[in-house]
């Protein structure tokens, strides 16, 4: 079986086996997430690279280019190469799409859909080119980490991509959307916009979050599909949790009274899952409690591929709260 035939066979296999398009009873429109999953599976079969790792790398690339690409202009696959890398270092045809000459000059460009062209704007070609760059470093987790660092040149990218891959593996889908309000709507709670307010304990600083006042022991819920990135004591936040979501946002829950059973670093979460309980811990050495009324400090930080910065979580909290209220009607 030649290369083109092999590609077509894999494409048809995963088209019918995973996307569900052949089932006449399913009339739901095909979403971009469905299309991506099909491409990840096909490319994984061709290269041996884990589909979830391909999805996680593509998600990270999509996150860090979100600010420059409007939603309607975002490509199906966000993994890209420079024209020079694609065509090859000494290739005088900078926009070459001939797979044979690209390979001769050591370019990264590949023909992923068997049309005889290596088009960097074609999602199948772009994904295959990226996957083969990962596969070139060899099998195994450590080699995959090295390959990811070699592509993104950022240690934090390796960490975020591994976390996203764990989320995709657990739910076996890339169509993971939606958030949850961090407290049950039936709880007794109140909150106001306090992001940016002055704080004096431990030195003059600004308040990087919103305080949600609630009764002791009120369940605290995961706000997103994500991974528990941090759990433990901090002299400012007391018992706290850090959760990283698929979009690169870091959700910070502080002043807790305790944690949900079996919660640990690396736990994969879904929106609404109980992860802890409201308390008044913090502002002192480990175990300090009661220096202020019980409340949840909720912080939101975004990673843009270069740095991480605090953003005001109040608008998001109001949005998630209203969305949940509408669902209950």
C-alpha atoms as a PDB file:
ATOM      1  CA  UNK A   1       0.000   0.000   0.000  1.00  0.00           C
ATOM      2  CA  UNK A   2       1.569   3.322  -1.058  1.00  0.00           C
ATOM      3  CA  UNK A   3       1.623   6.459   1.121  1.00  0.00           C
ATOM      4  CA  UNK A   4      -1.405   8.069  -0.509  1.00  0.00           C
ATOM      5  CA  UNK A   5      -3.480   4.885  -0.190  1.00  0.00           C
ATOM      6  CA  UNK A   6      -2.448   4.508   3.436  1.00  0.00           C
ATOM      7  CA  UNK A   7      -3.520   8.062   4.203  1.00  0.00           C
ATOM      8  CA  UNK A   8      -6.884   7.568   2.506  1.00  0.00           C
ATOM      9  CA  UNK A   9      -7.471   4.308   4.372  1.00  0.00           C
ATOM     10  CA  UNK A  10      -6.730   5.948   7.747  1.00  0.00           C
ATOM     11  CA  UNK A  11      -8.890   8.924   6.883  1.00  0.00           C
ATOM     12  CA  UNK A  12     -11.913   6.771   5.998  1.00  0.00           C
ATOM     13  CA  UNK A  13     -11.406   4.513   9.010  1.00  0.00           C
ATOM     14  CA  UNK A  14     -11.434   7.324  11.530  1.00  0.00           C
ATOM     15  CA  UNK A  15     -14.093   9.227   9.600  1.00  0.00           C
ATOM     16  CA  UNK A  16     -16.624   6.454  10.181  1.00  0.00           C
ATOM     17  CA  UNK A  17     -15.358   5.030  13.455  1.00  0.00           C
ATOM     18  CA  UNK A  18     -15.064   8.203  15.492  1.00  0.00           C
ATOM     19  CA  UNK A  19     -16.919  11.091  13.986  1.00  0.00           C
ATOM     20  CA  UNK A  20     -20.230   9.295  13.685  1.00  0.00           C
ATOM     21  CA  UNK A  21     -20.989  10.901  10.318  1.00  0.00           C
ATOM     22  CA  UNK A  22     -22.143   7.596   8.802  1.00  0.00           C
ATOM     23  CA  UNK A  23     -24.933   7.158  11.329  1.00  0.00           C
ATOM     24  CA  UNK A  24     -28.106   8.384   9.665  1.00  0.00           C
ATOM     25  CA  UNK A  25     -29.752   8.879  13.047  1.00  0.00           C
ATOM     26  CA  UNK A  26     -27.232  11.584  13.970  1.00  0.00           C
ATOM     27  CA  UNK A  27     -28.176  14.851  12.302  1.00  0.00           C
ATOM     28  CA  UNK A  28     -26.199  17.213  14.548  1.00  0.00           C
ATOM     29  CA  UNK A  29     -23.930  19.558  12.579  1.00  0.00           C
ATOM     30  CA  UNK A  30     -20.231  18.766  12.555  1.00  0.00           C
ATOM     31  CA  UNK A  31     -18.397  21.152  14.879  1.00  0.00           C
ATOM     32  CA  UNK A  32     -14.802  22.363  14.523  1.00  0.00           C
ATOM     33  CA  UNK A  33     -14.023  20.271  17.620  1.00  0.00           C
ATOM     34  CA  UNK A  34     -15.338  17.158  15.837  1.00  0.00           C
ATOM     35  CA  UNK A  35     -13.205  17.947  12.802  1.00  0.00           C
ATOM     36  CA  UNK A  36     -10.107  18.466  14.928  1.00  0.00           C
ATOM     37  CA  UNK A  37     -10.606  15.201  16.821  1.00  0.00           C
ATOM     38  CA  UNK A  38     -10.867  13.340  13.505  1.00  0.00           C
ATOM     39  CA  UNK A  39      -7.616  14.918  12.301  1.00  0.00           C
ATOM     40  CA  UNK A  40      -5.819  14.167  15.591  1.00  0.00           C
ATOM     41  CA  UNK A  41      -6.838  10.504  15.384  1.00  0.00           C
ATOM     42  CA  UNK A  42      -5.823  10.162  11.741  1.00  0.00           C
ATOM     43  CA  UNK A  43      -2.447  11.836  12.313  1.00  0.00           C
ATOM     44  CA  UNK A  44      -1.828   9.746  15.436  1.00  0.00           C
ATOM     45  CA  UNK A  45      -2.365   6.595  13.363  1.00  0.00           C
ATOM     46  CA  UNK A  46       0.126   7.780  10.742  1.00  0.00           C
ATOM     47  CA  UNK A  47       2.878   8.933  13.102  1.00  0.00           C
ATOM     48  CA  UNK A  48       2.416   7.069  16.390  1.00  0.00           C
ATOM     49  CA  UNK A  49       2.129  10.341  18.319  1.00  0.00           C
ATOM     50  CA  UNK A  50      -0.602  10.265  20.995  1.00  0.00           C
ATOM     51  CA  UNK A  51      -3.746  12.012  19.707  1.00  0.00           C
ATOM     52  CA  UNK A  52      -4.283  13.722  23.071  1.00  0.00           C
ATOM     53  CA  UNK A  53      -0.775  15.178  22.942  1.00  0.00           C
ATOM     54  CA  UNK A  54      -1.419  16.510  19.429  1.00  0.00           C
ATOM     55  CA  UNK A  55      -4.701  18.027  20.643  1.00  0.00           C
ATOM     56  CA  UNK A  56      -2.969  19.586  23.660  1.00  0.00           C
ATOM     57  CA  UNK A  57      -0.198  21.138  21.535  1.00  0.00           C
ATOM     58  CA  UNK A  58      -2.765  22.526  19.120  1.00  0.00           C
ATOM     59  CA  UNK A  59      -4.847  23.894  22.026  1.00  0.00           C
ATOM     60  CA  UNK A  60      -1.814  25.657  23.466  1.00  0.00           C
ATOM     61  CA  UNK A  61      -0.996  27.182  20.061  1.00  0.00           C
ATOM     62  CA  UNK A  62      -4.613  28.317  19.744  1.00  0.00           C
ATOM     63  CA  UNK A  63      -4.511  29.911  23.192  1.00  0.00           C
ATOM     64  CA  UNK A  64      -1.389  31.968  22.575  1.00  0.00           C
ATOM     65  CA  UNK A  65      -2.618  33.228  19.195  1.00  0.00           C
ATOM     66  CA  UNK A  66      -6.160  34.014  20.364  1.00  0.00           C
ATOM     67  CA  UNK A  67      -5.375  37.703  20.852  1.00  0.00           C
ATOM     68  CA  UNK A  68      -4.275  38.140  17.228  1.00  0.00           C
ATOM     69  CA  UNK A  69      -6.813  35.882  15.506  1.00  0.00           C
ATOM     70  CA  UNK A  70     -10.497  36.744  15.705  1.00  0.00           C
ATOM     71  CA  UNK A  71     -12.713  33.660  16.261  1.00  0.00           C
ATOM     72  CA  UNK A  72     -14.047  33.728  12.701  1.00  0.00           C
ATOM     73  CA  UNK A  73     -10.492  33.899  11.299  1.00  0.00           C
ATOM     74  CA  UNK A  74      -8.879  31.204  13.424  1.00  0.00           C
ATOM     75  CA  UNK A  75      -7.605  28.221  11.427  1.00  0.00           C
ATOM     76  CA  UNK A  76      -8.873  24.738  12.215  1.00  0.00           C
ATOM     77  CA  UNK A  77      -5.341  23.751  13.279  1.00  0.00           C
ATOM     78  CA  UNK A  78      -3.224  26.428  14.961  1.00  0.00           C
ATOM     79  CA  UNK A  79       0.163  24.699  14.743  1.00  0.00           C
ATOM     80  CA  UNK A  80       2.276  26.525  12.163  1.00  0.00           C
ATOM     81  CA  UNK A  81       5.775  26.726  10.724  1.00  0.00           C
ATOM     82  CA  UNK A  82       7.671  29.656   9.258  1.00  0.00           C
ATOM     83  CA  UNK A  83       7.882  29.719   5.466  1.00  0.00           C
ATOM     84  CA  UNK A  84      11.615  29.028   5.684  1.00  0.00           C
ATOM     85  CA  UNK A  85      11.221  26.032   8.003  1.00  0.00           C
ATOM     86  CA  UNK A  86       8.402  24.651   5.841  1.00  0.00           C
ATOM     87  CA  UNK A  87      10.262  24.943   2.520  1.00  0.00           C
ATOM     88  CA  UNK A  88      13.773  24.095   3.768  1.00  0.00           C
ATOM     89  CA  UNK A  89      16.815  26.163   4.641  1.00  0.00           C
ATOM     90  CA  UNK A  90      18.388  26.363   1.175  1.00  0.00           C
ATOM     91  CA  UNK A  91      15.217  26.094  -0.889  1.00  0.00           C
ATOM     92  CA  UNK A  92      15.051  29.148  -3.200  1.00  0.00           C
ATOM     93  CA  UNK A  93      11.286  28.620  -3.522  1.00  0.00           C
ATOM     94  CA  UNK A  94      10.193  30.082  -0.197  1.00  0.00           C
ATOM     95  CA  UNK A  95       6.549  29.146  -0.772  1.00  0.00           C
ATOM     96  CA  UNK A  96       7.306  25.716  -2.202  1.00  0.00           C
ATOM     97  CA  UNK A  97       4.476  23.187  -1.901  1.00  0.00           C
ATOM     98  CA  UNK A  98       6.149  20.265  -3.658  1.00  0.00           C
ATOM     99  CA  UNK A  99       6.670  17.533  -1.021  1.00  0.00           C
ATOM    100  CA  UNK A 100       9.603  16.062  -2.964  1.00  0.00           C
ATOM    101  CA  UNK A 101      11.653  19.249  -3.187  1.00  0.00           C
ATOM    102  CA  UNK A 102      10.716  20.254   0.363  1.00  0.00           C
ATOM    103  CA  UNK A 103      12.009  16.901   1.615  1.00  0.00           C
ATOM    104  CA  UNK A 104      15.189  17.293  -0.462  1.00  0.00           C
ATOM    105  CA  UNK A 105      15.955  20.630   1.229  1.00  0.00           C
ATOM    106  CA  UNK A 106      15.100  19.300   4.703  1.00  0.00           C
ATOM    107  CA  UNK A 107      11.910  21.331   5.117  1.00  0.00           C
ATOM    108  CA  UNK A 108       9.191  20.428   7.607  1.00  0.00           C
ATOM    109  CA  UNK A 109       6.325  20.645   5.086  1.00  0.00           C
ATOM    110  CA  UNK A 110       4.282  17.476   4.525  1.00  0.00           C
ATOM    111  CA  UNK A 111       1.384  16.337   2.361  1.00  0.00           C
ATOM    112  CA  UNK A 112      -1.165  15.178   4.910  1.00  0.00           C
ATOM    113  CA  UNK A 113      -4.223  14.715   2.699  1.00  0.00           C
ATOM    114  CA  UNK A 114      -2.628  13.012  -0.299  1.00  0.00           C
ATOM    115  CA  UNK A 115      -3.355  15.768  -2.827  1.00  0.00           C
ATOM    116  CA  UNK A 116       0.263  16.003  -3.932  1.00  0.00           C
ATOM    117  CA  UNK A 117       0.813  19.363  -2.221  1.00  0.00           C
ATOM    118  CA  UNK A 118       2.382  20.353   1.086  1.00  0.00           C
ATOM    119  CA  UNK A 119       0.284  23.393   1.878  1.00  0.00           C
ATOM    120  CA  UNK A 120       1.002  25.086   5.241  1.00  0.00           C
ATOM    121  CA  UNK A 121      -2.538  26.513   5.231  1.00  0.00           C
ATOM    122  CA  UNK A 122      -4.088  23.047   4.904  1.00  0.00           C
ATOM    123  CA  UNK A 123      -4.943  21.713   8.391  1.00  0.00           C
ATOM    124  CA  UNK A 124      -4.067  18.092   7.544  1.00  0.00           C
ATOM    125  CA  UNK A 125      -0.714  19.086   6.074  1.00  0.00           C
ATOM    126  CA  UNK A 126       0.096  21.394   8.999  1.00  0.00           C
ATOM    127  CA  UNK A 127      -0.807  18.785  11.620  1.00  0.00           C
ATOM    128  CA  UNK A 128       1.149  15.997   9.945  1.00  0.00           C
ATOM    129  CA  UNK A 129       4.188  18.275   9.627  1.00  0.00           C
ATOM    130  CA  UNK A 130       4.045  19.069  13.348  1.00  0.00           C
ATOM    131  CA  UNK A 131       3.455  15.456  14.394  1.00  0.00           C
ATOM    132  CA  UNK A 132       6.427  14.210  12.397  1.00  0.00           C
ATOM    133  CA  UNK A 133       8.614  16.802  14.093  1.00  0.00           C
ATOM    134  CA  UNK A 134       7.553  15.343  17.457  1.00  0.00           C
ATOM    135  CA  UNK A 135       7.978  11.759  16.257  1.00  0.00           C
ATOM    136  CA  UNK A 136      11.529  12.516  15.061  1.00  0.00           C
ATOM    137  CA  UNK A 137      12.657  12.831  18.690  1.00  0.00           C
ATOM    138  CA  UNK A 138      11.664   9.229  19.381  1.00  0.00           C
ATOM    139  CA  UNK A 139       9.088   7.522  21.631  1.00  0.00           C
ATOM    140  CA  UNK A 140       8.638   8.067  25.360  1.00  0.00           C
ATOM    141  CA  UNK A 141       7.473  10.895  27.601  1.00  0.00           C
ATOM    142  CA  UNK A 142      10.880  12.494  28.045  1.00  0.00           C
ATOM    143  CA  UNK A 143      11.529  12.632  24.309  1.00  0.00           C
ATOM    144  CA  UNK A 144       8.081  14.138  23.790  1.00  0.00           C
ATOM    145  CA  UNK A 145       8.854  16.835  26.368  1.00  0.00           C
ATOM    146  CA  UNK A 146      12.102  17.662  24.600  1.00  0.00           C
ATOM    147  CA  UNK A 147      10.310  17.826  21.243  1.00  0.00           C
ATOM    148  CA  UNK A 148       7.642  20.183  22.607  1.00  0.00           C
ATOM    149  CA  UNK A 149      10.275  22.448  24.141  1.00  0.00           C
ATOM    150  CA  UNK A 150      12.177  22.445  20.849  1.00  0.00           C
ATOM    151  CA  UNK A 151       9.051  23.661  19.042  1.00  0.00           C
ATOM    152  CA  UNK A 152       7.720  26.245  21.528  1.00  0.00           C
ATOM    153  CA  UNK A 153      11.028  27.128  23.300  1.00  0.00           C
ATOM    154  CA  UNK A 154       9.253  27.579  26.631  1.00  0.00           C
ATOM    155  CA  UNK A 155       9.386  25.342  29.686  1.00  0.00           C
ATOM    156  CA  UNK A 156       5.938  26.458  30.854  1.00  0.00           C
ATOM    157  CA  UNK A 157       4.494  25.343  27.514  1.00  0.00           C
ATOM    158  CA  UNK A 158       5.590  21.765  28.210  1.00  0.00           C
ATOM    159  CA  UNK A 159       3.808  21.807  31.577  1.00  0.00           C
ATOM    160  CA  UNK A 160       0.571  23.309  30.227  1.00  0.00           C
ATOM    161  CA  UNK A 161       0.474  20.943  27.254  1.00  0.00           C
ATOM    162  CA  UNK A 162       0.928  17.870  29.454  1.00  0.00           C
ATOM    163  CA  UNK A 163      -1.936  19.055  31.664  1.00  0.00           C
ATOM    164  CA  UNK A 164      -4.216  19.633  28.676  1.00  0.00           C
ATOM    165  CA  UNK A 165      -3.370  16.182  27.302  1.00  0.00           C
ATOM    166  CA  UNK A 166      -4.451  14.646  30.621  1.00  0.00           C
ATOM    167  CA  UNK A 167      -7.816  16.427  30.364  1.00  0.00           C
ATOM    168  CA  UNK A 168      -8.394  15.265  26.787  1.00  0.00           C
ATOM    169  CA  UNK A 169      -7.470  11.682  27.672  1.00  0.00           C
ATOM    170  CA  UNK A 170      -9.853  11.546  30.629  1.00  0.00           C
ATOM    171  CA  UNK A 171     -12.890  12.818  28.732  1.00  0.00           C
ATOM    172  CA  UNK A 172     -11.880  11.350  25.340  1.00  0.00           C
ATOM    173  CA  UNK A 173     -13.044  14.480  23.537  1.00  0.00           C
ATOM    174  CA  UNK A 174     -11.800  17.954  22.677  1.00  0.00           C
ATOM    175  CA  UNK A 175     -15.296  19.439  22.822  1.00  0.00           C
ATOM    176  CA  UNK A 176     -14.996  20.624  26.425  1.00  0.00           C
ATOM    177  CA  UNK A 177     -16.652  23.982  26.956  1.00  0.00           C
ATOM    178  CA  UNK A 178     -18.499  25.712  29.763  1.00  0.00           C
ATOM    179  CA  UNK A 179     -17.705  27.027  33.219  1.00  0.00           C
ATOM    180  CA  UNK A 180     -19.362  26.881  36.631  1.00  0.00           C
ATOM    181  CA  UNK A 181     -19.925  29.404  39.407  1.00  0.00           C
ATOM    182  CA  UNK A 182     -17.585  28.468  42.290  1.00  0.00           C
ATOM    183  CA  UNK A 183     -20.350  28.272  44.922  1.00  0.00           C
ATOM    184  CA  UNK A 184     -23.709  26.465  44.795  1.00  0.00           C
ATOM    185  CA  UNK A 185     -26.468  28.909  43.856  1.00  0.00           C
ATOM    186  CA  UNK A 186     -28.490  27.568  46.801  1.00  0.00           C
ATOM    187  CA  UNK A 187     -25.789  28.693  49.263  1.00  0.00           C
ATOM    188  CA  UNK A 188     -25.929  31.863  51.347  1.00  0.00           C
ATOM    189  CA  UNK A 189     -23.321  34.085  49.686  1.00  0.00           C
ATOM    190  CA  UNK A 190     -22.604  37.637  48.572  1.00  0.00           C
ATOM    191  CA  UNK A 191     -19.844  39.322  46.577  1.00  0.00           C
ATOM    192  CA  UNK A 192     -18.849  42.662  45.100  1.00  0.00           C
ATOM    193  CA  UNK A 193     -16.107  43.761  42.654  1.00  0.00           C
ATOM    194  CA  UNK A 194     -12.976  44.031  44.823  1.00  0.00           C
ATOM    195  CA  UNK A 195     -10.219  43.328  42.292  1.00  0.00           C
ATOM    196  CA  UNK A 196      -7.517  46.020  42.475  1.00  0.00           C
ATOM    197  CA  UNK A 197      -8.387  47.163  46.014  1.00  0.00           C
ATOM    198  CA  UNK A 198      -5.538  47.907  48.421  1.00  0.00           C
ATOM    199  CA  UNK A 199      -4.346  45.222  50.820  1.00  0.00           C
ATOM    200  CA  UNK A 200      -1.907  45.859  53.650  1.00  0.00           C
ATOM    201  CA  UNK A 201      -1.190  42.532  55.381  1.00  0.00           C
ATOM    202  CA  UNK A 202       2.311  41.374  54.468  1.00  0.00           C
ATOM    203  CA  UNK A 203       3.115  44.638  52.696  1.00  0.00           C
ATOM    204  CA  UNK A 204       1.208  47.047  50.491  1.00  0.00           C
ATOM    205  CA  UNK A 205      -0.291  45.259  47.481  1.00  0.00           C
ATOM    206  CA  UNK A 206      -3.425  45.085  45.378  1.00  0.00           C
ATOM    207  CA  UNK A 207      -6.218  42.552  45.736  1.00  0.00           C
ATOM    208  CA  UNK A 208      -5.920  40.119  42.836  1.00  0.00           C
ATOM    209  CA  UNK A 209      -9.352  38.562  43.037  1.00  0.00           C
ATOM    210  CA  UNK A 210     -12.969  38.733  44.198  1.00  0.00           C
ATOM    211  CA  UNK A 211     -14.087  37.802  47.713  1.00  0.00           C
ATOM    212  CA  UNK A 212     -17.242  35.686  47.896  1.00  0.00           C
ATOM    213  CA  UNK A 213     -18.524  35.765  51.482  1.00  0.00           C
ATOM    214  CA  UNK A 214     -20.318  32.584  52.530  1.00  0.00           C
ATOM    215  CA  UNK A 215     -20.910  30.338  55.527  1.00  0.00           C
ATOM    216  CA  UNK A 216     -18.179  28.087  56.904  1.00  0.00           C
ATOM    217  CA  UNK A 217     -18.135  24.767  55.083  1.00  0.00           C
ATOM    218  CA  UNK A 218     -19.972  25.946  51.972  1.00  0.00           C
ATOM    219  CA  UNK A 219     -18.822  23.690  49.109  1.00  0.00           C
ATOM    220  CA  UNK A 220     -16.347  25.269  46.686  1.00  0.00           C
ATOM    221  CA  UNK A 221     -16.667  24.032  43.121  1.00  0.00           C
ATOM    222  CA  UNK A 222     -14.243  23.733  40.211  1.00  0.00           C
ATOM    223  CA  UNK A 223     -15.024  26.474  37.731  1.00  0.00           C
ATOM    224  CA  UNK A 224     -13.712  24.684  34.624  1.00  0.00           C
ATOM    225  CA  UNK A 225     -12.433  21.564  32.950  1.00  0.00           C
ATOM    226  CA  UNK A 226      -8.907  21.591  34.223  1.00  0.00           C
ATOM    227  CA  UNK A 227      -6.085  20.108  36.274  1.00  0.00           C
ATOM    228  CA  UNK A 228      -5.250  20.767  39.913  1.00  0.00           C
ATOM    229  CA  UNK A 229      -1.870  22.431  39.552  1.00  0.00           C
ATOM    230  CA  UNK A 230      -1.331  23.412  43.185  1.00  0.00           C
ATOM    231  CA  UNK A 231      -2.720  22.432  46.582  1.00  0.00           C
ATOM    232  CA  UNK A 232      -1.468  23.392  50.024  1.00  0.00           C
ATOM    233  CA  UNK A 233      -0.733  26.203  52.460  1.00  0.00           C
ATOM    234  CA  UNK A 234       0.248  29.780  51.697  1.00  0.00           C
ATOM    235  CA  UNK A 235       0.675  32.452  54.388  1.00  0.00           C
ATOM    236  CA  UNK A 236      -1.562  34.849  52.447  1.00  0.00           C
ATOM    237  CA  UNK A 237      -4.164  32.482  51.025  1.00  0.00           C
ATOM    238  CA  UNK A 238      -4.168  29.829  53.727  1.00  0.00           C
ATOM    239  CA  UNK A 239      -5.340  26.472  52.459  1.00  0.00           C
ATOM    240  CA  UNK A 240      -5.682  27.032  48.736  1.00  0.00           C
ATOM    241  CA  UNK A 241      -6.069  25.372  45.342  1.00  0.00           C
ATOM    242  CA  UNK A 242      -4.785  26.334  41.900  1.00  0.00           C
ATOM    243  CA  UNK A 243      -6.602  24.955  38.863  1.00  0.00           C
ATOM    244  CA  UNK A 244      -5.419  25.351  35.261  1.00  0.00           C
ATOM    245  CA  UNK A 245      -8.021  25.201  32.479  1.00  0.00           C
ATOM    246  CA  UNK A 246      -7.715  24.368  28.777  1.00  0.00           C
ATOM    247  CA  UNK A 247      -7.525  28.024  27.750  1.00  0.00           C
ATOM    248  CA  UNK A 248      -4.440  28.656  29.873  1.00  0.00           C
ATOM    249  CA  UNK A 249      -6.388  30.367  32.689  1.00  0.00           C
ATOM    250  CA  UNK A 250      -5.300  29.766  36.281  1.00  0.00           C
ATOM    251  CA  UNK A 251      -8.180  29.670  38.794  1.00  0.00           C
ATOM    252  CA  UNK A 252      -7.112  30.411  42.377  1.00  0.00           C
ATOM    253  CA  UNK A 253      -9.255  29.392  45.372  1.00  0.00           C
ATOM    254  CA  UNK A 254      -8.025  30.622  48.767  1.00  0.00           C
ATOM    255  CA  UNK A 255      -8.885  30.782  52.507  1.00  0.00           C
ATOM    256  CA  UNK A 256     -10.385  27.290  52.421  1.00  0.00           C
ATOM    257  CA  UNK A 257     -11.468  25.280  55.434  1.00  0.00           C
ATOM    258  CA  UNK A 258     -10.522  21.973  53.825  1.00  0.00           C
ATOM    259  CA  UNK A 259     -10.346  19.947  50.627  1.00  0.00           C
ATOM    260  CA  UNK A 260     -12.623  17.435  48.949  1.00  0.00           C
ATOM    261  CA  UNK A 261     -11.602  13.802  49.595  1.00  0.00           C
ATOM    262  CA  UNK A 262      -8.981  12.328  47.255  1.00  0.00           C
ATOM    263  CA  UNK A 263      -8.187  15.713  45.688  1.00  0.00           C
ATOM    264  CA  UNK A 264      -4.495  15.983  44.838  1.00  0.00           C
ATOM    265  CA  UNK A 265      -2.107  17.696  42.465  1.00  0.00           C
ATOM    266  CA  UNK A 266      -2.816  16.366  38.977  1.00  0.00           C
ATOM    267  CA  UNK A 267      -6.509  15.645  39.577  1.00  0.00           C
ATOM    268  CA  UNK A 268      -8.560  16.370  36.448  1.00  0.00           C
ATOM    269  CA  UNK A 269     -11.711  18.373  37.172  1.00  0.00           C
ATOM    270  CA  UNK A 270     -14.998  19.193  35.486  1.00  0.00           C
ATOM    271  CA  UNK A 271     -17.131  22.327  36.035  1.00  0.00           C
ATOM    272  CA  UNK A 272     -19.166  22.118  39.231  1.00  0.00           C
ATOM    273  CA  UNK A 273     -17.078  19.374  40.861  1.00  0.00           C
ATOM    274  CA  UNK A 274     -16.606  19.962  44.600  1.00  0.00           C
ATOM    275  CA  UNK A 275     -12.934  20.609  45.375  1.00  0.00           C
ATOM    276  CA  UNK A 276     -13.009  22.243  48.829  1.00  0.00           C
ATOM    277  CA  UNK A 277     -14.957  24.203  51.438  1.00  0.00           C
ATOM    278  CA  UNK A 278     -15.196  27.865  52.449  1.00  0.00           C
ATOM    279  CA  UNK A 279     -13.146  28.877  55.493  1.00  0.00           C
ATOM    280  CA  UNK A 280     -11.061  31.689  56.960  1.00  0.00           C
ATOM    281  CA  UNK A 281      -7.527  30.320  56.745  1.00  0.00           C
ATOM    282  CA  UNK A 282      -4.444  32.406  56.071  1.00  0.00           C
ATOM    283  CA  UNK A 283      -2.644  35.612  57.074  1.00  0.00           C
ATOM    284  CA  UNK A 284      -0.152  33.761  59.235  1.00  0.00           C
ATOM    285  CA  UNK A 285       1.795  30.541  59.735  1.00  0.00           C
ATOM    286  CA  UNK A 286       0.386  27.178  58.715  1.00  0.00           C
ATOM    287  CA  UNK A 287      -2.978  26.518  60.345  1.00  0.00           C
ATOM    288  CA  UNK A 288      -3.882  30.164  61.076  1.00  0.00           C
ATOM    289  CA  UNK A 289      -7.668  30.599  61.029  1.00  0.00           C
ATOM    290  CA  UNK A 290     -10.263  33.228  61.913  1.00  0.00           C
ATOM    291  CA  UNK A 291      -8.475  36.509  61.178  1.00  0.00           C
ATOM    292  CA  UNK A 292     -11.374  37.559  58.944  1.00  0.00           C
ATOM    293  CA  UNK A 293     -14.946  36.419  58.171  1.00  0.00           C
ATOM    294  CA  UNK A 294     -15.288  33.193  56.188  1.00  0.00           C
ATOM    295  CA  UNK A 295     -15.118  33.717  52.452  1.00  0.00           C
ATOM    296  CA  UNK A 296     -13.722  32.352  49.226  1.00  0.00           C
ATOM    297  CA  UNK A 297     -11.028  34.419  47.574  1.00  0.00           C
ATOM    298  CA  UNK A 298     -11.310  33.654  43.861  1.00  0.00           C
ATOM    299  CA  UNK A 299      -8.536  34.822  41.553  1.00  0.00           C
ATOM    300  CA  UNK A 300      -8.196  34.475  37.795  1.00  0.00           C
ATOM    301  CA  UNK A 301      -4.906  34.647  35.883  1.00  0.00           C
ATOM    302  CA  UNK A 302      -4.206  34.234  32.184  1.00  0.00           C
ATOM    303  CA  UNK A 303      -1.136  32.822  30.461  1.00  0.00           C
ATOM    304  CA  UNK A 304      -0.542  34.401  27.034  1.00  0.00           C
ATOM    305  CA  UNK A 305       2.465  32.327  26.026  1.00  0.00           C
ATOM    306  CA  UNK A 306       4.966  34.822  27.436  1.00  0.00           C
ATOM    307  CA  UNK A 307       3.812  35.666  30.953  1.00  0.00           C
ATOM    308  CA  UNK A 308       0.939  35.210  33.370  1.00  0.00           C
ATOM    309  CA  UNK A 309      -1.105  38.127  34.701  1.00  0.00           C
ATOM    310  CA  UNK A 310      -4.103  38.763  36.934  1.00  0.00           C
ATOM    311  CA  UNK A 311      -7.445  39.707  35.406  1.00  0.00           C
ATOM    312  CA  UNK A 312     -10.609  40.892  37.136  1.00  0.00           C
ATOM    313  CA  UNK A 313     -12.752  37.759  37.738  1.00  0.00           C
ATOM    314  CA  UNK A 314     -15.919  39.674  38.676  1.00  0.00           C
ATOM    315  CA  UNK A 315     -17.411  39.845  35.137  1.00  0.00           C
ATOM    316  CA  UNK A 316     -16.811  36.115  34.641  1.00  0.00           C
ATOM    317  CA  UNK A 317     -18.375  35.285  37.997  1.00  0.00           C
ATOM    318  CA  UNK A 318     -21.502  37.277  37.153  1.00  0.00           C
ATOM    319  CA  UNK A 319     -21.696  35.613  33.747  1.00  0.00           C
ATOM    320  CA  UNK A 320     -21.359  32.073  35.124  1.00  0.00           C
ATOM    321  CA  UNK A 321     -23.841  32.800  37.903  1.00  0.00           C
ATOM    322  CA  UNK A 322     -26.435  34.119  35.446  1.00  0.00           C
ATOM    323  CA  UNK A 323     -25.892  31.216  33.051  1.00  0.00           C
ATOM    324  CA  UNK A 324     -26.539  28.720  35.835  1.00  0.00           C
ATOM    325  CA  UNK A 325     -29.659  30.558  36.957  1.00  0.00           C
ATOM    326  CA  UNK A 326     -31.024  30.441  33.417  1.00  0.00           C
ATOM    327  CA  UNK A 327     -30.373  26.675  33.230  1.00  0.00           C
ATOM    328  CA  UNK A 328     -32.346  26.127  36.446  1.00  0.00           C
ATOM    329  CA  UNK A 329     -35.457  27.810  35.103  1.00  0.00           C
END
